[in-house]
């Protein structure tokens, strides 16, 4: 732990601010986790087949938007990572059941 913060100051920070105060790389790693989870949720729930240039634009905007979501978690302690993780699980289950239903319908 860095000696520039007192215990009271550390207690007032969000969990991600405390983690980043101990090791600055954790902030970057949590940003990468937010980007990864955002891409997974996007692909499971909203992605369509697009031309390559439109796909690049969509992913660039997605990465910029992920920074906004990361900042909300960093500064205010909003549970963005947990929500993205749960959304990914729910959308994954939905896609699995949809695939299973379509396969059964095709066989009938």
N, C-alpha and C. Protein backbone atom coordinates (compact mmCIF):
# COMPACT_ATOMS: atom_id res chain seq x y z
N UNK A 1 0.85 -1.18 0.00
CA UNK A 1 0.00 0.00 0.00
C UNK A 1 0.89 1.24 0.00
N UNK A 2 0.46 2.25 -0.72
CA UNK A 2 1.23 3.49 -0.83
C UNK A 2 1.06 4.30 0.46
N UNK A 3 2.12 4.91 0.92
CA UNK A 3 2.08 5.65 2.18
C UNK A 3 1.52 7.05 2.02
N UNK A 4 1.13 7.45 0.81
CA UNK A 4 0.62 8.80 0.61
C UNK A 4 -0.85 8.94 1.04
N UNK A 5 -1.52 7.83 1.30
CA UNK A 5 -2.91 7.87 1.75
C UNK A 5 -2.99 7.36 3.19
N UNK A 6 -3.82 8.02 3.99
CA UNK A 6 -4.07 7.53 5.34
C UNK A 6 -5.18 6.49 5.27
N UNK A 7 -5.36 5.76 6.34
CA UNK A 7 -6.41 4.73 6.38
C UNK A 7 -7.80 5.34 6.19
N UNK A 8 -8.04 6.50 6.77
CA UNK A 8 -9.34 7.15 6.63
C UNK A 8 -9.59 7.57 5.19
N UNK A 9 -8.57 8.07 4.53
CA UNK A 9 -8.73 8.46 3.13
C UNK A 9 -9.00 7.25 2.25
N UNK A 10 -8.32 6.15 2.53
CA UNK A 10 -8.55 4.93 1.75
C UNK A 10 -9.96 4.38 1.97
N UNK A 11 -10.47 4.48 3.17
CA UNK A 11 -11.82 4.00 3.47
C UNK A 11 -12.89 4.79 2.73
N UNK A 12 -12.60 6.06 2.42
CA UNK A 12 -13.57 6.91 1.74
C UNK A 12 -13.62 6.64 0.23
N UNK A 13 -12.62 5.94 -0.30
CA UNK A 13 -12.56 5.69 -1.74
C UNK A 13 -13.41 4.49 -2.13
N UNK A 14 -13.77 4.43 -3.43
CA UNK A 14 -14.46 3.25 -3.94
C UNK A 14 -13.48 2.09 -3.99
N UNK A 15 -14.01 0.88 -4.19
CA UNK A 15 -13.13 -0.30 -4.18
C UNK A 15 -12.10 -0.22 -5.31
N UNK A 16 -12.50 0.31 -6.45
CA UNK A 16 -11.56 0.37 -7.57
C UNK A 16 -10.51 1.45 -7.35
N UNK A 17 -10.88 2.55 -6.72
CA UNK A 17 -9.90 3.59 -6.41
C UNK A 17 -8.85 3.06 -5.43
N UNK A 18 -9.30 2.30 -4.42
CA UNK A 18 -8.35 1.72 -3.47
C UNK A 18 -7.40 0.76 -4.17
N UNK A 19 -7.96 -0.09 -5.04
CA UNK A 19 -7.16 -1.05 -5.77
C UNK A 19 -6.14 -0.36 -6.66
N UNK A 20 -6.57 0.70 -7.33
CA UNK A 20 -5.68 1.45 -8.21
C UNK A 20 -4.64 2.23 -7.41
N UNK A 21 -4.98 2.66 -6.22
CA UNK A 21 -4.00 3.35 -5.37
C UNK A 21 -2.90 2.39 -4.96
N UNK A 22 -3.24 1.11 -4.77
CA UNK A 22 -2.23 0.12 -4.41
C UNK A 22 -1.37 -0.26 -5.61
N UNK A 23 -1.99 -0.41 -6.78
CA UNK A 23 -1.26 -0.76 -8.00
C UNK A 23 -1.97 -0.12 -9.19
N UNK A 24 -1.37 0.87 -9.83
CA UNK A 24 -2.03 1.58 -10.93
C UNK A 24 -2.44 0.70 -12.10
N UNK A 25 -1.78 -0.44 -12.29
CA UNK A 25 -2.14 -1.33 -13.41
C UNK A 25 -3.53 -1.94 -13.23
N UNK A 26 -4.01 -2.05 -12.00
CA UNK A 26 -5.33 -2.63 -11.77
C UNK A 26 -6.43 -1.79 -12.41
N UNK A 27 -6.27 -0.50 -12.46
CA UNK A 27 -7.24 0.36 -13.13
C UNK A 27 -7.33 0.04 -14.61
N UNK A 28 -6.17 -0.13 -15.24
CA UNK A 28 -6.14 -0.49 -16.67
C UNK A 28 -6.73 -1.88 -16.89
N UNK A 29 -6.39 -2.82 -16.02
CA UNK A 29 -6.92 -4.18 -16.17
C UNK A 29 -8.44 -4.22 -16.01
N UNK A 30 -8.96 -3.44 -15.08
CA UNK A 30 -10.42 -3.41 -14.93
C UNK A 30 -11.08 -2.76 -16.14
N UNK A 31 -10.40 -1.79 -16.76
CA UNK A 31 -10.93 -1.21 -18.01
C UNK A 31 -10.98 -2.27 -19.10
N UNK A 32 -9.94 -3.09 -19.20
CA UNK A 32 -9.95 -4.17 -20.19
C UNK A 32 -11.06 -5.18 -19.91
N UNK A 33 -11.33 -5.45 -18.64
CA UNK A 33 -12.43 -6.36 -18.28
C UNK A 33 -13.76 -5.76 -18.71
N UNK A 34 -13.94 -4.46 -18.50
CA UNK A 34 -15.18 -3.80 -18.92
C UNK A 34 -15.33 -3.87 -20.44
N UNK A 35 -14.24 -3.63 -21.17
CA UNK A 35 -14.30 -3.71 -22.64
C UNK A 35 -14.65 -5.13 -23.08
N UNK A 36 -14.00 -6.12 -22.50
CA UNK A 36 -14.26 -7.51 -22.87
C UNK A 36 -15.71 -7.90 -22.58
N UNK A 37 -16.20 -7.57 -21.39
CA UNK A 37 -17.58 -7.91 -21.05
C UNK A 37 -18.58 -7.15 -21.93
N UNK A 38 -18.27 -5.91 -22.27
CA UNK A 38 -19.15 -5.14 -23.15
C UNK A 38 -19.23 -5.77 -24.54
N UNK A 39 -18.09 -6.21 -25.05
CA UNK A 39 -18.08 -6.86 -26.37
C UNK A 39 -18.86 -8.17 -26.32
N UNK A 40 -18.70 -8.93 -25.26
CA UNK A 40 -19.44 -10.19 -25.13
C UNK A 40 -20.93 -9.94 -25.09
N UNK A 41 -21.36 -8.99 -24.27
CA UNK A 41 -22.79 -8.68 -24.16
C UNK A 41 -23.33 -8.15 -25.48
N UNK A 42 -22.57 -7.31 -26.15
CA UNK A 42 -23.00 -6.79 -27.45
C UNK A 42 -23.17 -7.92 -28.45
N UNK A 43 -22.20 -8.82 -28.52
CA UNK A 43 -22.28 -9.91 -29.49
C UNK A 43 -23.40 -10.89 -29.17
N UNK A 44 -23.66 -11.13 -27.90
CA UNK A 44 -24.72 -12.07 -27.53
C UNK A 44 -26.11 -11.48 -27.75
N UNK A 45 -26.24 -10.19 -27.57
CA UNK A 45 -27.58 -9.63 -27.60
C UNK A 45 -27.94 -8.74 -28.76
N UNK A 46 -26.97 -8.10 -29.38
CA UNK A 46 -27.33 -7.05 -30.31
C UNK A 46 -26.63 -7.09 -31.66
N UNK A 47 -25.59 -7.90 -31.80
CA UNK A 47 -24.76 -7.87 -33.02
C UNK A 47 -25.53 -8.39 -34.23
N UNK A 48 -25.32 -7.74 -35.33
CA UNK A 48 -25.83 -8.16 -36.63
C UNK A 48 -24.65 -8.30 -37.56
N UNK A 49 -24.84 -8.98 -38.67
CA UNK A 49 -23.79 -9.09 -39.67
C UNK A 49 -23.67 -7.76 -40.40
N UNK A 50 -22.50 -7.14 -40.28
CA UNK A 50 -22.27 -5.82 -40.86
C UNK A 50 -21.06 -5.86 -41.78
N UNK A 51 -20.99 -4.92 -42.72
CA UNK A 51 -19.75 -4.77 -43.50
C UNK A 51 -18.60 -4.39 -42.56
N UNK A 52 -17.39 -4.66 -43.00
CA UNK A 52 -16.22 -4.52 -42.13
C UNK A 52 -16.02 -3.09 -41.61
N UNK A 53 -16.23 -2.08 -42.43
CA UNK A 53 -16.03 -0.70 -41.98
C UNK A 53 -17.05 -0.32 -40.91
N UNK A 54 -18.29 -0.73 -41.10
CA UNK A 54 -19.31 -0.44 -40.08
C UNK A 54 -19.00 -1.19 -38.79
N UNK A 55 -18.49 -2.41 -38.92
CA UNK A 55 -18.14 -3.19 -37.74
C UNK A 55 -17.01 -2.51 -36.96
N UNK A 56 -16.02 -1.97 -37.67
CA UNK A 56 -14.91 -1.26 -37.02
C UNK A 56 -15.44 -0.03 -36.29
N UNK A 57 -16.34 0.70 -36.92
CA UNK A 57 -16.91 1.89 -36.29
C UNK A 57 -17.69 1.51 -35.03
N UNK A 58 -18.47 0.44 -35.12
CA UNK A 58 -19.25 -0.01 -33.96
C UNK A 58 -18.33 -0.37 -32.80
N UNK A 59 -17.25 -1.09 -33.08
CA UNK A 59 -16.35 -1.50 -32.00
C UNK A 59 -15.56 -0.33 -31.44
N UNK A 60 -15.20 0.65 -32.25
CA UNK A 60 -14.51 1.83 -31.74
C UNK A 60 -15.44 2.60 -30.79
N UNK A 61 -16.68 2.77 -31.19
CA UNK A 61 -17.65 3.45 -30.31
C UNK A 61 -17.89 2.63 -29.05
N UNK A 62 -17.89 1.31 -29.18
CA UNK A 62 -18.06 0.43 -28.03
C UNK A 62 -16.91 0.59 -27.03
N UNK A 63 -15.70 0.71 -27.53
CA UNK A 63 -14.53 0.89 -26.66
C UNK A 63 -14.57 2.25 -25.98
N UNK A 64 -14.99 3.28 -26.70
CA UNK A 64 -15.13 4.61 -26.08
C UNK A 64 -16.23 4.59 -25.02
N UNK A 65 -17.34 3.96 -25.32
CA UNK A 65 -18.42 3.84 -24.34
C UNK A 65 -18.02 3.03 -23.13
N UNK A 66 -17.15 2.05 -23.33
CA UNK A 66 -16.66 1.26 -22.20
C UNK A 66 -15.86 2.11 -21.24
N UNK A 67 -15.16 3.12 -21.78
CA UNK A 67 -14.43 4.02 -20.89
C UNK A 67 -15.40 4.79 -20.00
N UNK A 68 -16.51 5.21 -20.55
CA UNK A 68 -17.52 5.92 -19.75
C UNK A 68 -18.05 5.01 -18.65
N UNK A 69 -18.35 3.75 -19.00
CA UNK A 69 -18.85 2.81 -17.99
C UNK A 69 -17.78 2.52 -16.94
N UNK A 70 -16.52 2.38 -17.38
CA UNK A 70 -15.43 2.16 -16.42
C UNK A 70 -15.30 3.34 -15.48
N UNK A 71 -15.43 4.55 -16.00
CA UNK A 71 -15.33 5.73 -15.15
C UNK A 71 -16.46 5.77 -14.12
N UNK A 72 -17.66 5.36 -14.51
CA UNK A 72 -18.76 5.32 -13.55
C UNK A 72 -18.45 4.35 -12.41
N UNK A 73 -17.84 3.22 -12.75
CA UNK A 73 -17.47 2.26 -11.69
C UNK A 73 -16.31 2.82 -10.87
N UNK A 74 -15.35 3.42 -11.51
CA UNK A 74 -14.16 3.94 -10.81
C UNK A 74 -14.52 5.08 -9.87
N UNK A 75 -15.23 6.06 -10.37
CA UNK A 75 -15.49 7.28 -9.59
C UNK A 75 -16.64 7.13 -8.60
N UNK A 76 -17.69 6.43 -9.00
CA UNK A 76 -18.89 6.40 -8.17
C UNK A 76 -19.19 5.04 -7.56
N UNK A 77 -18.44 4.02 -7.95
CA UNK A 77 -18.66 2.69 -7.39
C UNK A 77 -19.87 1.99 -7.97
N UNK A 78 -20.34 2.42 -9.15
CA UNK A 78 -21.47 1.75 -9.79
C UNK A 78 -21.07 0.32 -10.15
N UNK A 79 -21.94 -0.65 -9.97
CA UNK A 79 -21.57 -2.06 -10.20
C UNK A 79 -21.60 -2.46 -11.67
N UNK A 80 -20.85 -1.77 -12.51
CA UNK A 80 -20.87 -1.99 -13.95
C UNK A 80 -20.35 -3.39 -14.30
N UNK A 81 -19.24 -3.80 -13.72
CA UNK A 81 -18.66 -5.10 -14.04
C UNK A 81 -19.62 -6.22 -13.66
N UNK A 82 -20.23 -6.12 -12.51
CA UNK A 82 -21.18 -7.15 -12.08
C UNK A 82 -22.40 -7.19 -12.99
N UNK A 83 -22.90 -6.04 -13.38
CA UNK A 83 -24.07 -5.99 -14.27
C UNK A 83 -23.73 -6.57 -15.64
N UNK A 84 -22.57 -6.23 -16.17
CA UNK A 84 -22.16 -6.78 -17.47
C UNK A 84 -21.97 -8.29 -17.40
N UNK A 85 -21.41 -8.78 -16.30
CA UNK A 85 -21.22 -10.21 -16.12
C UNK A 85 -22.55 -10.95 -16.06
N UNK A 86 -23.48 -10.43 -15.27
CA UNK A 86 -24.81 -11.04 -15.16
C UNK A 86 -25.56 -10.96 -16.48
N UNK A 87 -25.44 -9.82 -17.18
CA UNK A 87 -26.08 -9.69 -18.49
C UNK A 87 -25.52 -10.71 -19.48
N UNK A 88 -24.22 -10.93 -19.44
CA UNK A 88 -23.60 -11.92 -20.31
C UNK A 88 -24.12 -13.32 -20.03
N UNK A 89 -24.28 -13.66 -18.76
CA UNK A 89 -24.81 -14.98 -18.41
C UNK A 89 -26.25 -15.13 -18.89
N UNK A 90 -27.07 -14.13 -18.64
CA UNK A 90 -28.48 -14.20 -19.04
C UNK A 90 -28.62 -14.27 -20.56
N UNK A 91 -27.89 -13.42 -21.28
CA UNK A 91 -27.95 -13.45 -22.74
C UNK A 91 -27.38 -14.75 -23.29
N UNK A 92 -26.36 -15.30 -22.65
CA UNK A 92 -25.81 -16.59 -23.07
C UNK A 92 -26.83 -17.71 -22.91
N UNK A 93 -27.55 -17.71 -21.78
CA UNK A 93 -28.60 -18.71 -21.59
C UNK A 93 -29.71 -18.55 -22.61
N UNK A 94 -30.08 -17.31 -22.89
CA UNK A 94 -31.12 -17.05 -23.89
C UNK A 94 -30.69 -17.56 -25.26
N UNK A 95 -29.46 -17.24 -25.66
CA UNK A 95 -28.98 -17.68 -26.97
C UNK A 95 -28.89 -19.20 -27.05
N UNK A 96 -28.49 -19.85 -25.96
CA UNK A 96 -28.43 -21.31 -25.93
C UNK A 96 -29.82 -21.92 -26.09
N UNK A 97 -30.78 -21.39 -25.36
CA UNK A 97 -32.15 -21.93 -25.45
C UNK A 97 -32.75 -21.64 -26.83
N UNK A 98 -32.46 -20.48 -27.40
CA UNK A 98 -32.95 -20.16 -28.73
C UNK A 98 -32.35 -21.12 -29.76
N UNK A 99 -31.06 -21.40 -29.65
CA UNK A 99 -30.41 -22.35 -30.55
C UNK A 99 -31.02 -23.74 -30.40
N UNK A 100 -31.24 -24.14 -29.16
CA UNK A 100 -31.84 -25.45 -28.87
C UNK A 100 -33.26 -25.53 -29.44
N UNK A 101 -34.04 -24.46 -29.27
CA UNK A 101 -35.41 -24.43 -29.78
C UNK A 101 -35.43 -24.50 -31.31
N UNK A 102 -34.55 -23.74 -31.95
CA UNK A 102 -34.49 -23.75 -33.42
C UNK A 102 -34.06 -25.12 -33.94
N UNK A 103 -33.16 -25.77 -33.24
CA UNK A 103 -32.70 -27.11 -33.64
C UNK A 103 -33.83 -28.13 -33.53
N UNK A 104 -34.60 -28.06 -32.44
CA UNK A 104 -35.74 -28.96 -32.27
C UNK A 104 -36.82 -28.70 -33.30
N UNK A 105 -37.04 -27.43 -33.61
CA UNK A 105 -38.05 -27.06 -34.61
C UNK A 105 -37.62 -27.55 -36.00
N UNK A 106 -36.33 -27.47 -36.28
CA UNK A 106 -35.81 -27.92 -37.57
C UNK A 106 -35.95 -29.44 -37.73
N UNK A 107 -35.78 -30.18 -36.65
CA UNK A 107 -35.88 -31.63 -36.70
C UNK A 107 -37.32 -32.11 -36.84
N UNK A 108 -38.26 -31.31 -36.38
CA UNK A 108 -39.68 -31.71 -36.42
C UNK A 108 -40.32 -31.49 -37.77
